[in-house]
Amino acid sequence: MTTLESYWLETAPRFAGGAADPLPARADCVVIGGGFTGLAAARALAMAGANVVLLEAGQIACEASGRNGGQCNNGLAGDLGALAARLGMERASALYRAFDEAVDRVEAIVAEEGIACDFVRNGKLKLADKPEHGAKLARAAEVLAREVEPDLRLLSRAELASEIGSDAFYGGIVFPRSASLHMGRFAAGLAAAAARHGARLFEQAGVTALDRLGGRYRITCARGVIEADQLLLATGASMRGPFGWLRRRIVPIGSFIIATAPLGREAAARAMPGRRNCTTTRNVGNFFRLTADDRLIFGGRARFALSSPSSDLKSGEILRAGLERVFPALRDTPIDYTWGGIVDMTMDRLPRAGERNGLYFAAGFSGHGTQMSVLMGERMARVMGGDASANPLAGLDWPAIPGHVGPPWFLPIVGAYYRYQDWRH
């Protein structure tokens, strides 16, 4: 019987330091959102000497940060060459290297704070779903190796046998800088570190109003009212609260995941001898990896719908069929966990961060949130401290999405379009 909860949240201690005291009347900085972005920012601000309060609508890291696929990958969501055609190779390469630094920062925090979360640099393997995708990967690898990723390895279909025990793919690229970790344990450790450095974290503190008072903000939440000199929005794809400006620029898309029962070391080694983070090349593709206890985590955009218990179950059935297609030998393996989460997707799949009318924000991580949310939480803390040059995303245009003002009514249309593209190409 599958459990409808995130494996990461169910197998990690929950953060126990949520402030039980009354909300203070004021703070130097208020951070809204208790995922990786907000936690990293709160830790960095507190270490810089600020009086920091973090407000989380539910429980710490129980939304996207605790409900993802467990991958901490370097590399852009899209093609480097296509991004260079739009922004120039210098800017595109700088953005690519920010993703590299993001993985480094996760590793550094794990070491600095002594967080036991199974962090390992196991690398990413991007897999070609079709024969023609193998040729596309080869062309992409040439640009990447020349500009930003000299240590990548392009693998033929025959060479994949050393990495994955499946005949479903037609080549791949190994990105050695990528990593994996236990998301729930990292979240609890990061929250504890922020609190240890002096940040005060309040759970069940959903924000209902933001008011500008000259150069300061008044924030009304479920725990009371607080005023702050500076305010950082780290809310992700929140569909509640006074965050309409962000909401019009972010599409909340469901991401669905299953976790098998432990396979045992021998079966795990047959299925994934390389123990990489794997992603596939289809628009509606899959991602998968092994855990430290040899479970297979297998996820993807199984349905273009938002997460709910019924939606998660339907998506889990689709993912189970996909797992069996990739790994026929695991057909009878029980599924212990089935869950969904929300990805805060932007139109171009690049995150955004900056300042608008005195309000700071970092959002839109588009499926690369583990690493980039941590980096941008820290970087925006530096920006708030006066270092405007710290933001690697500064200057990126971010227009509102036409026709998008709330719930993403257009998701079924988007899903149909991407499935058609996968069929054609």
Protein backbone atom coordinates (compact mmCIF):
# COMPACT_ATOMS: atom_id res chain seq x y z
CA MET A 1 0.00 0.00 0.00
CA THR A 2 1.59 3.23 -1.11
CA THR A 3 1.86 6.19 1.27
CA LEU A 4 0.65 9.51 -0.15
CA GLU A 5 3.47 11.54 1.33
CA SER A 6 6.94 12.65 0.29
CA TYR A 7 9.64 10.11 1.04
CA TRP A 8 11.92 12.99 2.06
CA LEU A 9 9.47 14.38 4.61
CA GLU A 10 8.46 11.00 6.00
CA THR A 11 12.04 9.82 6.59
CA ALA A 12 13.52 12.97 8.15
CA PRO A 13 12.98 14.77 11.44
CA ARG A 14 10.75 17.81 11.09
CA PHE A 15 12.20 21.12 12.19
CA ALA A 16 11.25 21.48 15.86
CA GLY A 17 12.39 25.06 16.46
CA GLY A 18 9.44 27.00 15.04
CA ALA A 19 9.02 29.97 17.36
CA ALA A 20 6.21 29.44 19.86
CA ASP A 21 6.63 32.97 21.24
CA PRO A 22 4.44 35.86 20.06
CA LEU A 23 5.46 37.48 16.80
CA PRO A 24 7.73 40.47 17.54
CA ALA A 25 6.53 43.93 16.61
CA ARG A 26 9.43 44.62 14.27
CA ALA A 27 12.56 43.18 12.66
CA ASP A 28 15.34 44.39 10.42
CA CYS A 29 14.41 41.83 7.78
CA VAL A 30 11.34 39.65 7.24
CA VAL A 31 11.60 36.66 4.91
CA ILE A 32 8.31 35.21 3.60
CA GLY A 33 8.61 31.53 2.76
CA GLY A 34 10.23 28.66 4.67
CA GLY A 35 11.67 26.63 1.78
CA PHE A 36 15.32 26.51 0.76
CA THR A 37 15.31 30.09 -0.59
CA GLY A 38 13.94 31.60 2.60
CA LEU A 39 16.00 29.41 4.91
CA ALA A 40 19.26 30.15 3.07
CA ALA A 41 18.47 33.87 3.09
CA ALA A 42 17.53 33.87 6.78
CA ARG A 43 20.74 32.06 7.69
CA ALA A 44 22.89 34.45 5.65
CA LEU A 45 21.12 37.59 6.95
CA ALA A 46 21.43 36.41 10.55
CA MET A 47 25.12 35.60 10.06
CA ALA A 48 25.57 39.17 8.79
CA GLY A 49 24.14 40.50 12.04
CA ALA A 50 20.56 41.33 11.02
CA ASN A 51 17.51 40.76 13.23
CA VAL A 52 15.64 38.29 11.01
CA VAL A 53 12.12 36.86 11.17
CA LEU A 54 10.96 34.17 8.74
CA LEU A 55 7.24 33.56 8.14
CA GLU A 56 6.07 30.21 6.75
CA ALA A 57 2.39 29.61 5.92
CA GLY A 58 2.57 25.91 6.83
CA GLN A 59 5.51 23.87 8.08
CA ILE A 60 9.14 24.50 7.24
CA ALA A 61 10.15 23.03 3.83
CA CYS A 62 6.92 21.04 3.45
CA GLU A 63 6.11 22.40 -0.01
CA ALA A 64 8.41 22.30 -3.08
CA SER A 65 11.65 22.05 -1.08
CA GLY A 66 10.49 18.83 0.58
CA ARG A 67 8.53 17.37 -2.31
CA ASN A 68 11.01 17.19 -5.20
CA GLY A 69 13.04 14.47 -6.90
CA GLY A 70 16.14 14.78 -4.73
CA GLN A 71 18.49 16.00 -7.46
CA CYS A 72 20.98 18.87 -7.07
CA ASN A 73 22.10 19.36 -10.66
CA ASN A 74 24.32 21.88 -12.34
CA GLY A 75 23.46 23.02 -15.85
CA LEU A 76 20.65 25.10 -17.30
CA ALA A 77 17.12 23.81 -17.79
CA GLY A 78 17.36 24.70 -21.49
CA ASP A 79 19.96 24.64 -24.23
CA LEU A 80 23.06 26.80 -23.75
CA GLY A 81 23.29 27.62 -27.46
CA ALA A 82 19.68 28.79 -27.59
CA LEU A 83 20.20 30.96 -24.52
CA ALA A 84 23.39 32.40 -26.03
CA ALA A 85 21.46 33.33 -29.19
CA ARG A 86 19.12 35.34 -26.99
CA LEU A 87 21.49 36.85 -24.40
CA GLY A 88 24.97 36.41 -25.89
CA MET A 89 27.42 33.68 -24.96
CA GLU A 90 29.10 35.73 -22.22
CA ARG A 91 25.85 36.22 -20.27
CA ALA A 92 24.62 32.69 -20.99
CA SER A 93 27.90 31.20 -19.75
CA ALA A 94 27.78 33.36 -16.62
CA LEU A 95 24.30 32.05 -15.86
CA TYR A 96 25.48 28.48 -16.44
CA ARG A 97 28.33 28.99 -13.98
CA ALA A 98 25.89 30.34 -11.40
CA PHE A 99 24.23 26.92 -11.46
CA ASP A 100 27.68 25.36 -10.88
CA GLU A 101 28.24 27.65 -7.91
CA ALA A 102 24.80 26.78 -6.59
CA VAL A 103 25.76 23.11 -6.21
CA ASP A 104 29.01 24.21 -4.55
CA ARG A 105 27.07 26.34 -2.04
CA VAL A 106 24.80 23.44 -1.05
CA GLU A 107 27.88 21.28 -0.48
CA ALA A 108 29.58 24.05 1.52
CA ILE A 109 26.59 24.61 3.81
CA VAL A 110 26.26 20.87 4.43
CA ALA A 111 29.92 20.82 5.51
CA GLU A 112 29.84 24.09 7.48
CA GLU A 113 26.75 23.14 9.46
CA GLY A 114 27.44 19.42 9.76
CA ILE A 115 24.14 18.40 8.13
CA ALA A 116 23.77 14.61 7.78
CA CYS A 117 21.82 14.44 4.51
CA ASP A 118 23.65 11.89 2.31
CA PHE A 119 25.17 14.60 0.08
CA VAL A 120 27.25 13.03 -2.71
CA ARG A 121 28.66 14.30 -6.01
CA ASN A 122 27.26 11.45 -8.05
CA GLY A 123 26.83 13.41 -11.31
CA LYS A 124 23.92 13.75 -13.71
CA LEU A 125 23.22 11.57 -16.74
CA LYS A 126 21.03 13.12 -19.44
CA LEU A 127 19.51 10.33 -21.52
CA ALA A 128 18.34 10.42 -25.15
CA ASP A 129 14.77 9.11 -25.44
CA LYS A 130 14.94 8.70 -29.24
CA PRO A 131 17.70 7.93 -31.77
CA GLU A 132 17.53 11.48 -33.15
CA HIS A 133 17.89 12.86 -29.61
CA GLY A 134 21.33 11.24 -29.44
CA ALA A 135 22.52 13.43 -32.30
CA LYS A 136 21.04 16.52 -30.59
CA LEU A 137 22.89 15.65 -27.39
CA ALA A 138 26.14 15.31 -29.33
CA ARG A 139 25.72 18.80 -30.78
CA ALA A 140 24.86 20.24 -27.38
CA ALA A 141 27.83 18.48 -25.79
CA GLU A 142 30.22 20.10 -28.26
CA VAL A 143 29.07 23.60 -27.28
CA LEU A 144 29.01 22.79 -23.57
CA ALA A 145 32.50 21.26 -23.58
CA ARG A 146 33.92 24.26 -25.43
CA GLU A 147 32.25 26.96 -23.32
CA VAL A 148 31.43 25.78 -19.80
CA GLU A 149 31.60 22.03 -19.12
CA PRO A 150 35.03 20.65 -20.16
CA ASP A 151 34.73 17.49 -18.03
CA LEU A 152 31.45 16.18 -19.46
CA ARG A 153 31.40 12.76 -21.14
CA LEU A 154 29.31 11.93 -24.21
CA LEU A 155 28.20 8.29 -24.17
CA SER A 156 27.01 6.14 -27.06
CA ARG A 157 24.14 3.75 -26.62
CA ALA A 158 26.56 0.87 -26.10
CA GLU A 159 28.50 2.82 -23.48
CA LEU A 160 25.36 3.40 -21.43
CA ALA A 161 25.56 -0.16 -20.08
CA SER A 162 28.15 0.97 -17.54
CA GLU A 163 25.73 3.60 -16.25
CA ILE A 164 22.20 2.21 -16.48
CA GLY A 165 20.72 -1.26 -16.84
CA SER A 166 18.12 -0.31 -19.44
CA ASP A 167 17.77 -0.58 -23.21
CA ALA A 168 15.31 2.33 -23.38
CA PHE A 169 17.83 5.05 -24.33
CA TYR A 170 20.07 6.02 -27.25
CA GLY A 171 23.05 7.75 -25.70
CA GLY A 172 23.66 10.30 -23.01
CA ILE A 173 25.85 12.97 -21.41
CA VAL A 174 27.45 12.68 -17.98
CA PHE A 175 27.72 15.96 -16.04
CA PRO A 176 30.11 15.12 -13.18
CA ARG A 177 29.52 18.24 -11.04
CA SER A 178 25.92 17.39 -10.13
CA ALA A 179 24.98 15.98 -6.73
CA SER A 180 22.20 14.33 -4.76
CA LEU A 181 21.08 14.55 -1.15
CA HIS A 182 18.22 13.75 1.22
CA MET A 183 15.97 16.78 0.92
CA GLY A 184 14.13 16.40 4.21
CA ARG A 185 17.28 16.07 6.27
CA PHE A 186 18.92 18.99 4.47
CA ALA A 187 15.85 21.14 5.10
CA ALA A 188 15.75 20.33 8.80
CA GLY A 189 19.48 20.98 9.09
CA LEU A 190 19.31 24.27 7.18
CA ALA A 191 16.40 25.47 9.33
CA ALA A 192 18.24 24.52 12.51
CA ALA A 193 21.33 26.36 11.25
CA ALA A 194 19.34 29.52 10.50
CA ALA A 195 17.86 29.44 14.00
CA ARG A 196 21.23 28.71 15.58
CA HIS A 197 22.65 31.83 13.91
CA GLY A 198 19.84 33.94 15.32
CA ALA A 199 16.97 33.91 12.81
CA ARG A 200 13.49 33.42 14.29
CA LEU A 201 11.32 31.03 12.27
CA PHE A 202 7.52 31.13 12.60
CA GLU A 203 5.37 28.34 11.17
CA GLN A 204 1.59 28.55 10.53
CA ALA A 205 2.14 32.24 9.70
CA GLY A 206 0.49 32.68 6.30
CA VAL A 207 0.74 36.27 5.10
CA THR A 208 -2.55 38.02 4.30
CA ALA A 209 -1.49 41.64 3.70
CA LEU A 210 1.57 43.73 2.83
CA ASP A 211 1.49 47.49 3.37
CA ARG A 212 4.21 49.98 2.52
CA LEU A 213 4.88 52.51 5.29
CA GLY A 214 7.30 54.98 3.81
CA GLY A 215 10.55 53.05 3.55
CA ARG A 216 9.32 50.11 5.64
CA TYR A 217 6.76 47.30 5.35
CA ARG A 218 3.94 46.19 7.62
CA ILE A 219 3.23 42.46 7.23
CA THR A 220 -0.02 40.96 8.48
CA CYS A 221 0.00 37.20 8.96
CA ALA A 222 -1.82 34.49 10.86
CA ARG A 223 0.49 35.02 13.84
CA GLY A 224 0.02 38.80 14.06
CA VAL A 225 1.49 41.98 12.58
CA ILE A 226 5.17 42.82 12.17
CA GLU A 227 7.03 45.76 10.64
CA ALA A 228 10.34 45.38 8.82
CA ASP A 229 12.95 47.60 7.22
CA GLN A 230 13.45 45.03 4.45
CA LEU A 231 11.27 42.28 3.02
CA LEU A 232 12.21 39.26 0.90
CA LEU A 233 9.57 37.20 -0.93
CA ALA A 234 10.66 33.56 -1.16
CA THR A 235 7.21 32.09 -1.70
CA GLY A 236 7.72 30.01 -4.84
CA ALA A 237 4.45 29.26 -6.64
CA SER A 238 2.20 30.25 -3.73
CA MET A 239 -1.40 30.56 -4.90
CA ARG A 240 -2.51 32.28 -1.71
CA GLY A 241 -1.60 35.62 -0.22
CA PRO A 242 -0.94 39.13 -1.56
CA PHE A 243 1.63 38.09 -4.16
CA GLY A 244 -0.24 38.86 -7.37
CA TRP A 245 2.76 40.42 -9.14
CA LEU A 246 4.74 37.18 -8.80
CA ARG A 247 1.71 35.01 -9.47
CA ARG A 248 1.20 36.59 -12.91
CA ARG A 249 4.76 35.60 -13.86
CA ILE A 250 4.97 32.07 -12.48
CA VAL A 251 3.09 29.01 -13.70
CA PRO A 252 2.51 26.42 -10.95
CA ILE A 253 2.97 23.02 -12.57
CA GLY A 254 2.52 19.69 -10.84
CA SER A 255 5.50 17.37 -10.54
CA PHE A 256 4.79 13.80 -9.44
CA ILE A 257 7.09 11.21 -7.92
CA ILE A 258 7.10 7.61 -6.69
CA ALA A 259 9.62 5.79 -4.52
CA THR A 260 10.01 2.03 -4.55
CA ALA A 261 10.65 -0.22 -1.62
CA PRO A 262 14.40 -0.77 -1.04
CA LEU A 263 15.76 -2.77 -3.98
CA GLY A 264 18.73 -4.27 -2.19
CA ARG A 265 22.28 -3.44 -3.14
CA GLU A 266 22.62 -6.05 -5.92
CA ALA A 267 19.36 -5.14 -7.69
CA ALA A 268 20.17 -1.44 -7.36
CA ALA A 269 23.59 -2.01 -8.92
CA ARG A 270 22.03 -3.86 -11.86
CA ALA A 271 19.48 -1.13 -12.46
CA MET A 272 21.77 1.88 -12.05
CA PRO A 273 25.45 0.91 -11.75
CA GLY A 274 26.51 4.53 -12.20
CA ARG A 275 24.15 5.75 -9.42
CA ARG A 276 23.69 9.05 -11.31
CA ASN A 277 20.85 11.53 -11.24
CA CYS A 278 19.08 10.73 -14.49
CA THR A 279 16.93 12.98 -16.67
CA THR A 280 15.48 12.26 -20.10
CA THR A 281 15.21 14.41 -23.21
CA ARG A 282 11.45 14.39 -23.85
CA ASN A 283 9.50 17.54 -23.01
CA VAL A 284 7.23 15.31 -20.94
CA GLY A 285 10.10 13.19 -19.68
CA ASN A 286 11.23 11.56 -16.48
CA PHE A 287 13.88 11.93 -13.81
CA PHE A 288 15.14 9.23 -11.47
CA ARG A 289 17.90 8.33 -9.01
CA LEU A 290 18.74 5.89 -6.24
CA THR A 291 18.59 6.82 -2.57
CA ALA A 292 21.15 5.92 0.09
CA ASP A 293 18.91 3.01 1.14
CA ASP A 294 18.66 1.79 -2.47
CA ARG A 295 15.15 2.89 -3.32
CA LEU A 296 14.46 4.12 -6.84
CA ILE A 297 12.97 7.61 -6.95
CA PHE A 298 11.13 8.02 -10.28
CA GLY A 299 9.25 11.17 -11.26
CA GLY A 300 8.06 13.46 -14.02
CA ARG A 301 5.23 15.59 -15.39
CA ALA A 302 2.94 12.57 -15.48
CA ARG A 303 -0.13 14.78 -15.81
CA PHE A 304 -0.43 18.50 -16.48
CA ALA A 305 -2.43 19.05 -13.32
CA LEU A 306 -1.83 20.31 -9.80
CA SER A 307 -1.10 18.03 -6.88
CA SER A 308 -3.91 16.58 -4.76
CA PRO A 309 -4.42 13.09 -3.27
CA SER A 310 -6.48 11.89 -6.25
CA SER A 311 -4.18 13.58 -8.76
CA ASP A 312 -1.12 12.08 -7.08
CA LEU A 313 -2.61 8.58 -7.24
CA LYS A 314 -3.48 8.90 -10.94
CA SER A 315 -0.02 10.29 -11.67
CA GLY A 316 1.58 7.51 -9.65
CA GLU A 317 -0.04 4.92 -11.90
CA ILE A 318 1.38 6.64 -14.98
CA LEU A 319 4.82 6.84 -13.37
CA ARG A 320 4.67 3.16 -12.40
CA ALA A 321 4.11 2.29 -16.07
CA GLY A 322 7.04 4.53 -17.04
CA LEU A 323 9.31 2.89 -14.45
CA GLU A 324 8.41 -0.55 -15.79
CA ARG A 325 9.15 0.60 -19.35
CA VAL A 326 12.62 1.78 -18.36
CA PHE A 327 13.35 -1.03 -15.88
CA PRO A 328 11.30 -4.14 -16.81
CA ALA A 329 13.12 -6.17 -14.14
CA LEU A 330 11.53 -3.98 -11.44
CA ARG A 331 7.98 -4.69 -12.59
CA ASP A 332 6.97 -6.40 -9.34
CA THR A 333 8.76 -4.00 -6.97
CA PRO A 334 6.34 -2.42 -4.47
CA ILE A 335 5.85 1.35 -4.53
CA ASP A 336 6.14 2.66 -0.94
CA TYR A 337 5.61 6.39 -1.54
CA THR A 338 3.62 8.44 -4.05
CA TRP A 339 3.51 12.22 -3.88
CA GLY A 340 3.22 15.43 -5.83
CA GLY A 341 4.55 18.94 -5.55
CA ILE A 342 4.40 22.27 -7.32
CA VAL A 343 7.18 23.60 -9.57
CA ASP A 344 7.34 27.40 -9.95
CA MET A 345 7.90 27.57 -13.70
CA THR A 346 8.79 30.68 -15.69
CA MET A 347 8.20 31.10 -19.43
CA ASP A 348 11.90 30.69 -20.27
CA ARG A 349 12.69 28.34 -17.33
CA LEU A 350 15.21 30.80 -15.88
CA PRO A 351 14.72 31.92 -12.27
CA ARG A 352 14.31 35.58 -11.39
CA ALA A 353 15.52 37.66 -8.46
CA GLY A 354 15.68 41.36 -7.77
CA GLU A 355 13.95 44.30 -6.13
CA ARG A 356 10.66 46.00 -7.01
CA ASN A 357 9.43 49.09 -5.17
CA GLY A 358 11.58 48.27 -2.19
CA LEU A 359 10.49 44.63 -2.05
CA TYR A 360 13.07 41.93 -2.76
CA PHE A 361 12.21 38.59 -4.38
CA ALA A 362 13.75 35.32 -5.59
CA ALA A 363 11.48 32.83 -7.38
CA GLY A 364 10.76 30.87 -10.55
CA PHE A 365 13.36 28.13 -10.12
CA SER A 366 11.64 25.94 -12.72
CA GLY A 367 12.66 22.53 -11.43
CA HIS A 368 16.20 23.52 -10.41
CA GLY A 369 15.23 24.80 -6.99
CA THR A 370 17.40 22.68 -4.71
CA GLN A 371 20.63 24.34 -5.74
CA MET A 372 19.53 27.70 -7.18
CA SER A 373 17.16 28.51 -4.34
CA VAL A 374 20.01 28.12 -1.87
CA LEU A 375 22.36 30.24 -3.96
CA MET A 376 19.79 32.97 -4.60
CA GLY A 377 18.69 33.05 -0.98
CA GLU A 378 22.28 33.80 -0.03
CA ARG A 379 22.84 36.20 -2.91
CA MET A 380 19.70 38.22 -2.16
CA ALA A 381 20.83 38.47 1.46
CA ARG A 382 23.98 40.12 0.13
CA VAL A 383 21.93 42.41 -2.11
CA MET A 384 19.83 43.41 0.88
CA GLY A 385 23.07 44.16 2.70
CA GLY A 386 24.08 46.65 -0.01
CA ASP A 387 25.96 44.53 -2.55
CA ALA A 388 23.89 45.05 -5.70
CA SER A 389 26.46 43.19 -7.81
CA ALA A 390 25.73 39.93 -5.96
CA ASN A 391 22.64 39.10 -8.05
CA PRO A 392 23.61 36.97 -11.12
CA LEU A 393 20.03 37.27 -12.44
CA ALA A 394 19.94 41.07 -12.42
CA GLY A 395 18.57 42.69 -15.57
CA LEU A 396 16.59 39.74 -16.95
CA ASP A 397 13.24 40.90 -18.31
CA TRP A 398 10.23 39.33 -16.61
CA PRO A 399 6.95 40.29 -18.26
CA ALA A 400 3.63 38.97 -17.00
CA ILE A 401 2.28 35.88 -18.78
CA PRO A 402 -0.64 36.96 -21.03
CA GLY A 403 -3.97 35.77 -19.68
CA HIS A 404 -2.48 34.35 -16.46
CA VAL A 405 -3.86 35.96 -13.32
CA GLY A 406 -4.42 33.01 -10.98
CA PRO A 407 -5.00 29.24 -11.35
CA PRO A 408 -3.27 27.92 -14.48
CA TRP A 409 -6.35 27.18 -16.59
CA PHE A 410 -4.17 26.55 -19.64
CA LEU A 411 -2.18 23.55 -18.29
CA PRO A 412 -4.09 20.90 -20.30
CA ILE A 413 -3.40 22.88 -23.48
CA VAL A 414 0.30 23.17 -22.61
CA GLY A 415 0.44 19.44 -21.88
CA ALA A 416 -1.17 18.57 -25.20
CA TYR A 417 1.29 20.83 -27.05
CA TYR A 418 4.36 19.28 -25.41
CA ARG A 419 3.13 15.74 -25.98
CA TYR A 420 2.60 16.59 -29.64
CA GLN A 421 6.15 17.97 -29.81
CA ASP A 422 7.47 14.76 -28.25
CA TRP A 423 5.57 12.71 -30.83
CA ARG A 424 6.91 14.82 -33.73
CA HIS A 425 10.51 15.14 -32.62
